Protein backbone atom coordinates (compact mmCIF):
# COMPACT_ATOMS: atom_id res chain seq x y z
CA MET A 1 0.00 0.00 0.00
CA GLU A 2 1.33 3.42 -0.98
CA GLN A 3 2.22 5.55 2.02
CA GLU A 4 0.15 8.73 2.32
CA LEU A 5 2.20 11.88 1.77
CA ASP A 6 2.67 14.07 4.85
CA LEU A 7 1.70 17.42 3.37
CA LEU A 8 2.89 20.74 4.73
CA ASP A 9 0.16 23.01 6.10
CA VAL A 10 -0.20 25.64 3.39
CA LYS A 11 -1.48 28.08 6.03
CA ILE A 12 1.98 28.30 7.63
CA ASP A 13 3.33 31.52 6.12
CA TYR A 14 6.49 29.89 4.72
CA ALA A 15 4.51 27.32 2.72
CA PHE A 16 1.90 29.93 1.75
CA LYS A 17 4.52 32.18 0.20
CA ARG A 18 6.20 29.32 -1.65
CA ILE A 19 2.88 28.43 -3.31
CA PHE A 20 1.24 31.81 -3.89
CA GLY A 21 4.36 33.97 -4.15
CA GLU A 22 6.25 31.91 -6.73
CA ASN A 23 3.51 30.94 -9.18
CA GLU A 24 1.92 33.81 -11.09
CA ASP A 25 -1.04 31.87 -12.48
CA ILE A 26 -1.96 30.50 -9.04
CA PHE A 27 -1.72 33.96 -7.48
CA ILE A 28 -3.81 35.52 -10.27
CA ASN A 29 -6.62 32.97 -10.01
CA PHE A 30 -6.75 33.18 -6.21
CA THR A 31 -6.67 36.99 -6.19
CA ASN A 32 -9.33 37.24 -8.91
CA SER A 33 -11.60 35.04 -6.79
CA ILE A 34 -11.19 37.54 -3.92
CA LEU A 35 -11.52 40.81 -5.85
CA ASN A 36 -14.45 39.38 -7.84
CA GLN A 37 -14.20 41.98 -10.58
CA PRO A 38 -16.07 41.91 -13.93
CA HIS A 39 -14.33 39.91 -16.65
CA ASN A 40 -12.85 42.97 -18.37
CA LYS A 41 -11.26 44.09 -15.09
CA LYS A 42 -9.83 40.77 -13.97
CA ILE A 43 -6.09 40.46 -13.39
CA LYS A 44 -4.26 39.39 -16.55
CA SER A 45 -0.65 39.49 -15.38
CA VAL A 46 1.39 40.14 -12.25
CA GLN A 47 4.95 40.94 -11.25
CA PHE A 48 6.19 39.61 -7.92
CA LEU A 49 8.27 42.14 -5.99
CA ASN A 50 9.58 40.10 -3.04
CA THR A 51 10.30 36.49 -3.92
CA GLU A 52 13.24 35.90 -1.59
CA VAL A 53 12.94 33.38 1.25
CA ASN A 54 16.14 32.82 3.22
CA GLN A 55 17.10 30.34 5.91
CA GLU A 56 17.56 32.90 8.70
CA SER A 57 14.15 34.50 8.25
CA ALA A 58 12.41 31.43 9.68
CA PHE A 59 13.70 32.36 13.14
CA ASP A 60 13.10 36.11 12.97
CA LYS A 61 9.86 37.49 14.42
CA GLU A 62 10.28 40.58 12.24
CA SER A 63 10.45 38.50 9.06
CA ARG A 64 7.48 38.78 6.77
CA PHE A 65 6.42 35.97 4.50
CA ASP A 66 3.87 38.10 2.71
CA VAL A 67 3.44 38.20 -1.07
CA LEU A 68 4.01 41.61 -2.67
CA ALA A 69 3.02 42.09 -6.29
CA GLN A 70 2.08 44.69 -8.89
CA LEU A 71 -0.87 43.95 -11.16
CA ASN A 72 -1.20 44.71 -14.86
CA ASP A 73 -3.42 47.74 -14.09
CA GLY A 74 -0.69 49.25 -11.90
CA SER A 75 -2.27 48.38 -8.55
CA PHE A 76 -0.09 47.01 -5.75
CA VAL A 77 -1.17 43.99 -3.73
CA ASN A 78 0.15 42.74 -0.41
CA MET A 79 -1.14 39.29 0.54
CA GLU A 80 -0.42 37.79 3.94
CA MET A 81 -1.40 34.64 5.83
CA GLN A 82 -2.08 35.06 9.56
CA MET A 83 -2.41 32.02 11.81
CA SER A 84 -3.50 33.78 15.02
CA TYR A 85 -4.77 37.10 16.32
CA THR A 86 -2.54 39.60 18.09
CA SER A 87 -3.62 42.71 19.98
CA GLU A 88 -1.72 44.89 17.50
CA TYR A 89 -3.36 43.40 14.42
CA GLU A 90 -5.54 46.37 13.45
CA LYS A 91 -2.76 48.95 13.65
CA ARG A 92 -0.33 46.57 11.95
CA CYS A 93 -2.84 46.05 9.14
CA LEU A 94 -3.20 49.80 8.57
CA TYR A 95 0.56 50.33 8.81
CA TYR A 96 1.27 47.78 6.08
CA TRP A 97 -1.35 49.35 3.81
CA THR A 98 0.20 52.79 4.45
CA LYS A 99 3.67 51.52 3.55
CA LEU A 100 2.33 49.87 0.40
CA TYR A 101 0.91 53.24 -0.68
CA GLU A 102 3.67 55.54 0.59
CA GLN A 103 6.60 53.56 -0.83
CA GLN A 104 5.38 54.24 -4.37
CA MET A 105 6.43 57.89 -4.00
CA PHE A 106 9.90 59.12 -4.80
CA LYS A 107 11.29 62.64 -4.59
CA GLY A 108 9.72 64.77 -7.31
CA ASP A 109 6.82 62.39 -7.96
CA ARG A 110 3.28 63.71 -8.22
CA TYR A 111 0.44 62.41 -6.07
CA LYS A 112 -1.64 61.66 -9.14
CA ASN A 113 0.81 58.89 -10.04
CA LEU A 114 -0.02 56.91 -6.90
CA GLN A 115 -1.62 53.56 -7.70
CA PRO A 116 -4.30 51.72 -5.69
CA ALA A 117 -2.95 49.67 -2.77
CA ILE A 118 -4.75 46.45 -1.87
CA CYS A 119 -4.01 44.45 1.27
CA ILE A 120 -5.38 40.91 1.44
CA ASN A 121 -5.18 39.25 4.86
CA ILE A 122 -5.96 35.55 5.02
CA LEU A 123 -6.93 34.84 8.63
CA ASN A 124 -6.93 31.39 10.19
CA TYR A 125 -9.32 32.57 12.90
CA LYS A 126 -12.71 34.25 13.24
CA TYR A 127 -12.27 38.00 13.46
CA PHE A 128 -15.81 39.39 13.07
CA LYS A 129 -17.75 37.24 15.52
CA GLU A 130 -21.05 38.94 14.71
CA LYS A 131 -21.12 38.18 10.96
CA GLU A 132 -21.32 34.92 9.05
CA ASN A 133 -19.76 35.95 5.74
CA TYR A 134 -16.08 34.99 5.62
CA ILE A 135 -14.94 37.80 3.30
CA THR A 136 -14.92 41.45 4.35
CA GLU A 137 -13.95 44.37 2.13
CA LEU A 138 -12.87 47.51 3.97
CA ARG A 139 -13.05 50.92 2.27
CA VAL A 140 -12.91 54.61 3.19
CA VAL A 141 -16.50 55.83 2.92
CA ASP A 142 -18.70 58.77 3.85
CA ILE A 143 -20.59 57.47 6.89
CA GLU A 144 -23.74 59.38 5.96
CA THR A 145 -23.99 58.76 2.21
CA LYS A 146 -21.92 55.54 2.05
CA ASN A 147 -20.10 57.00 -0.96
CA ILE A 148 -16.56 55.70 -1.41
CA PHE A 149 -13.98 58.43 -0.80
CA THR A 150 -11.24 56.84 -2.93
CA GLN A 151 -10.72 53.67 -4.94
CA ASP A 152 -7.08 53.57 -3.85
CA PHE A 153 -7.80 52.08 -0.41
CA GLN A 154 -8.84 48.43 -0.17
CA ILE A 155 -8.30 45.90 2.60
CA PHE A 156 -9.77 42.40 2.36
CA LEU A 157 -10.08 40.13 5.39
CA ILE A 158 -10.67 36.46 4.58
CA GLU A 159 -11.69 34.36 7.61
CA VAL A 160 -10.85 30.80 6.59
CA PRO A 161 -12.68 28.98 9.45
CA LYS A 162 -16.00 30.53 8.40
CA ALA A 163 -15.89 29.20 4.83
CA LEU A 164 -18.56 26.55 4.26
CA LYS A 165 -17.67 23.31 2.52
CA GLU A 166 -21.06 23.28 0.79
CA SER A 167 -20.37 26.55 -1.05
CA TYR A 168 -19.04 26.26 -4.61
CA THR A 169 -17.81 29.73 -5.48
CA GLU A 170 -14.24 29.90 -6.76
CA LEU A 171 -13.11 31.55 -3.53
CA SER A 172 -14.78 28.89 -1.38
CA LYS A 173 -12.90 26.24 -3.40
CA TRP A 174 -9.65 27.99 -2.53
CA MET A 175 -10.72 28.03 1.13
CA ARG A 176 -11.16 24.26 1.02
CA PHE A 177 -7.66 23.96 -0.42
CA LEU A 178 -6.30 26.06 2.46
CA LYS A 179 -8.17 23.85 4.91
CA GLY A 180 -6.43 20.76 3.55
CA ALA A 181 -8.87 19.26 1.04
CA SER A 182 -8.07 15.75 -0.20
CA ARG A 183 -6.77 15.17 -3.71
CA GLU A 184 -10.16 13.73 -4.65
CA GLU A 185 -11.85 16.94 -3.52
CA ILE A 186 -9.32 19.01 -5.45
CA PHE A 187 -10.07 17.07 -8.66
CA SER A 188 -13.82 17.56 -8.18
CA MET A 189 -13.40 21.35 -7.95
CA ASP A 190 -12.65 21.57 -11.68
CA ASN A 191 -10.14 24.38 -11.20
CA PRO A 192 -6.75 23.69 -12.85
CA PHE A 193 -5.02 26.35 -10.75
CA ILE A 194 -6.07 24.78 -7.46
CA LEU A 195 -4.91 21.42 -8.81
CA LYS A 196 -1.57 22.98 -9.73
CA ALA A 197 -1.32 24.50 -6.23
CA GLN A 198 -1.95 21.05 -4.76
CA GLU A 199 0.78 19.55 -6.95
CA LYS A 200 3.20 22.32 -5.94
CA LEU A 201 2.37 21.65 -2.28
CA GLU A 202 2.99 17.93 -2.73
CA TYR A 203 6.33 18.62 -4.40
CA LEU A 204 7.31 21.11 -1.70
CA SER A 205 6.37 18.61 0.99
CA GLN A 206 8.94 16.16 -0.42
CA ASP A 207 11.72 18.75 -0.67
CA PHE A 208 14.16 18.09 2.19
CA GLN A 209 15.49 21.65 2.50
CA ALA A 210 12.01 23.16 2.21
CA ARG A 211 10.75 20.91 5.00
CA ILE A 212 13.66 21.96 7.24
CA GLN A 213 12.77 25.63 6.75
CA TYR A 214 9.07 24.88 7.19
CA ASN A 215 9.65 22.99 10.43
CA SER A 216 11.93 25.74 11.72
CA ARG A 217 9.35 28.40 10.93
CA GLN A 218 6.51 26.36 12.41
CA LYS A 219 8.45 25.76 15.63
CA TYR A 220 9.43 29.41 15.91
CA LEU A 221 5.85 30.61 15.43
CA HIS A 222 4.58 28.10 17.99
CA ASP A 223 7.22 29.06 20.57
CA TYR A 224 6.72 32.77 19.98
CA MET A 225 2.94 32.59 20.34
CA SER A 226 3.18 30.32 23.40
CA ASP A 227 5.57 32.70 25.11
CA THR A 228 3.40 35.70 24.24
CA ALA A 229 0.26 33.96 25.50
CA SER A 230 1.94 32.92 28.75
CA LYS A 231 3.10 36.45 29.51
CA PHE A 232 -0.30 37.85 28.63
CA GLU A 233 -2.15 35.34 30.82
CA GLU A 234 0.10 36.11 33.78
CA GLY A 235 -0.59 39.82 33.45
CA MET A 236 -4.26 39.20 32.79
CA GLU A 237 -4.75 37.21 35.99
CA LYS A 238 -3.29 40.06 38.02
CA GLY A 239 -4.93 42.94 36.17
CA ILE A 240 -8.41 41.59 35.58
CA ASN A 241 -8.89 40.75 39.27
CA ILE A 242 -9.10 44.52 39.87
CA GLY A 243 -12.10 44.72 37.57
CA VAL A 244 -13.64 41.61 39.06
CA GLU A 245 -13.64 43.17 42.51
CA LYS A 246 -15.87 45.99 41.19
CA GLY A 247 -18.59 43.48 40.50
CA GLU A 248 -19.46 44.98 37.13
CA TYR A 249 -21.00 42.12 35.22
CA LYS A 250 -21.00 44.01 31.92
CA ASN A 251 -17.28 44.67 32.18
CA LYS A 252 -16.65 41.03 32.96
CA LEU A 253 -18.46 39.99 29.79
CA GLU A 254 -16.58 42.54 27.69
CA ASN A 255 -13.23 41.43 29.08
CA ALA A 256 -14.13 37.79 28.47
CA LYS A 257 -14.98 38.55 24.82
CA ASN A 258 -11.64 40.27 24.29
CA PHE A 259 -9.67 37.44 25.84
CA LEU A 260 -11.55 34.84 23.81
CA GLN A 261 -10.50 36.67 20.64
CA LEU A 262 -6.90 36.51 21.82
CA GLY A 263 -7.14 32.74 22.23
CA VAL A 264 -6.94 32.69 26.03
CA SER A 265 -8.34 29.47 27.51
CA ILE A 266 -11.82 29.43 29.04
CA ASP A 267 -10.41 28.10 32.31
CA ILE A 268 -8.10 31.11 32.72
CA ILE A 269 -10.84 33.56 31.71
CA SER A 270 -13.21 31.98 34.23
CA LYS A 271 -10.58 32.18 36.94
CA ALA A 272 -9.77 35.82 36.18
CA THR A 273 -13.30 37.18 35.72
CA GLY A 274 -15.37 35.02 38.03
CA LEU A 275 -17.70 34.10 35.18
CA THR A 276 -18.79 30.49 34.82
CA LYS A 277 -17.54 28.40 31.91
CA GLU A 278 -21.11 28.27 30.58
CA GLU A 279 -21.36 32.07 30.56
CA ILE A 280 -18.06 32.36 28.71
CA GLU A 281 -18.93 29.66 26.15
CA LYS A 282 -22.07 31.64 25.20
CA LEU A 283 -19.78 34.52 24.15
CA ALA A 284 -17.73 32.36 21.76
């Protein structure tokens, strides 16, 4: 019996970049499924701007395994895979969009030459708890009229865990690939680019050097997040007890919601807030 191949998790940023940041046709098909533009506005070609992946970067918390590209219409795209939420996510997200826009300018350039900047964040967690749809498009709009202020600002948040297996849009097919669909499922999707991505992942999974870098990156991310969570939980237990003493039930619930989003265990939240496990589970 043929041994089943131990595939890399494509959601680990190293593997994600090797698949989506080195294959133009795969990137184009995936991005088109997100932007969902009319046929005449779909991406035709792309130029990758940061293809390097070095050995040392796997151990560096400042290293970014995002995919940076310029589209045929001049727009710039930054695509990034995020495995877990951090308290700085929102500001970090805006900062990266700002850099994507600002770095287009050189001394003497005119503002009119600035091209649209699009950030696409693939999230391996639920960010908007109150909504079911797994894709969110953020724009700058007039709150009263809902008119879009500029077409240059676009941020897409894709919440992978929310994607339903029963949905058959092109984007939902890509979500199933990210979730680890079987080869049989991939074939049934009837999308040659997803099949190619699967084949690239299988090849990468058998590459000895690639697996070393993948394992190093995976271990680093796990250790970094574990250390961050431990420090946070220690501080949380001390700090939240102050709020608990006030007996403000509403504040307890709000704190519990925030800590759930950060991935803190229900046991620790219960201990820190005084809420029962049942009360906390209802907030999830």
